């Protein structure tokens, strides 16, 4: 029941906009987790290391058109 009492105290507390936003921010971080919050703020890594599966060492025109190369 301590959580209900703390929630009731928080809801009846007089606060200005700054305090309200601070409490809401702390609540969001507590619910979603700090690591998920920081991951959402961090820029996503670039996928520059994407490798092609069908690369040819011979370059353009180095394989049989429409088929496979038997070597």
Protein backbone atom coordinates (compact mmCIF):
# COMPACT_ATOMS: atom_id res chain seq x y z
CA UNK A 1 0.00 0.00 0.00
CA UNK A 2 2.98 2.30 0.21
CA UNK A 3 2.93 2.80 -3.54
CA UNK A 4 -0.70 3.93 -3.45
CA UNK A 5 0.07 6.39 -0.68
CA UNK A 6 3.08 7.79 -2.54
CA UNK A 7 1.05 8.10 -5.75
CA UNK A 8 -1.76 9.85 -3.89
CA UNK A 9 0.75 12.25 -2.30
CA UNK A 10 2.26 12.98 -5.69
CA UNK A 11 -1.13 13.60 -7.31
CA UNK A 12 -2.30 15.97 -4.58
CA UNK A 13 0.99 17.90 -4.45
CA UNK A 14 0.87 21.44 -5.78
CA UNK A 15 3.44 21.95 -8.52
CA UNK A 16 4.18 24.27 -11.37
CA UNK A 17 4.75 23.29 -15.00
CA UNK A 18 8.48 22.70 -14.53
CA UNK A 19 7.95 20.30 -11.63
CA UNK A 20 5.16 18.52 -13.49
CA UNK A 21 7.32 17.96 -16.58
CA UNK A 22 10.18 16.77 -14.39
CA UNK A 23 7.94 14.20 -12.69
CA UNK A 24 6.48 13.04 -16.00
CA UNK A 25 9.98 12.66 -17.47
CA UNK A 26 11.16 10.62 -14.49
CA UNK A 27 8.07 8.44 -14.79
CA UNK A 28 8.64 7.81 -18.50
CA UNK A 29 12.26 6.87 -17.89
CA UNK A 30 11.25 4.58 -15.05
CA UNK A 31 8.61 2.83 -17.16
CA UNK A 32 10.58 2.38 -20.36
CA UNK A 33 13.95 1.84 -18.78
CA UNK A 34 17.01 4.01 -18.95
CA UNK A 35 18.78 1.91 -21.58
CA UNK A 36 15.84 1.99 -23.99
CA UNK A 37 15.55 5.75 -23.51
CA UNK A 38 19.23 6.31 -24.25
CA UNK A 39 19.05 3.97 -27.26
CA UNK A 40 16.18 6.04 -28.67
CA UNK A 41 18.17 9.25 -28.32
CA UNK A 42 21.37 7.85 -29.84
CA UNK A 43 21.78 8.08 -33.64
CA UNK A 44 21.34 4.80 -35.44
CA UNK A 45 24.55 3.19 -36.71
CA UNK A 46 25.19 3.34 -40.42
CA UNK A 47 24.97 0.09 -42.30
CA UNK A 48 28.06 0.68 -44.40
CA UNK A 49 29.34 -2.83 -43.90
CA UNK A 50 26.56 -4.45 -45.91
CA UNK A 51 28.10 -7.10 -48.10
CA UNK A 52 26.71 -8.28 -51.38
CA UNK A 53 26.23 -12.02 -51.68
CA UNK A 54 26.56 -12.20 -55.47
CA UNK A 55 29.80 -10.37 -56.13
CA UNK A 56 31.99 -11.22 -59.06
CA UNK A 57 35.73 -10.90 -59.14
CA UNK A 58 35.68 -10.41 -62.91
CA UNK A 59 33.69 -7.17 -62.96
CA UNK A 60 30.98 -6.17 -65.41
CA UNK A 61 30.24 -8.83 -68.02
CA UNK A 62 32.41 -11.45 -66.38
CA UNK A 63 29.68 -14.08 -66.11
CA UNK A 64 27.30 -15.83 -68.47
CA UNK A 65 24.14 -13.80 -69.12
CA UNK A 66 21.14 -15.36 -67.37
CA UNK A 67 22.98 -18.42 -66.13
CA UNK A 68 25.82 -19.59 -63.98
CA UNK A 69 29.47 -19.81 -64.73
CA UNK A 70 31.02 -23.27 -64.61
CA UNK A 71 34.71 -22.99 -63.89
